[in-house]
Amino acid sequence: MLTAVCIGYIGPVNGYISQRSELASEREGLARLEARRDALAVQLRALERNDVLEARARQLGLLKPGERGFVLKRSELEPPPPPPERADDGIWGWLTSKF
């Protein structure tokens, strides 16, 4: 009789333990989401300021009325990529790389 009672408790105890671990992981996820929400709220409040809003618009490439925009080509901003390495195959490639 005692064995049957003990076996009857195994299922609920296992369920309780698994629910506790699931609850802990859900609380961690909730904490991450709340932190993200708070960070977004700070950004949103910052965008209400005119200087921050103008700086963000400048990052997006927007201009004020009457301003003149200039477009720079990518090649003018970055140095050229390095030349590709030589791909020597076979025994001769191995020998030439050693000397």
Foldseek 3Di string as FASTA:
>chain_A
DVVVVVVVVPVVVVVVVVVVVVVVVVVVVVVVVVVVVVVVVVVVVVCVDPVSVVVVCVVVVDDDPPDDDDDDDPCVVDPDDDDDDDDDDDPVVVVVVVD
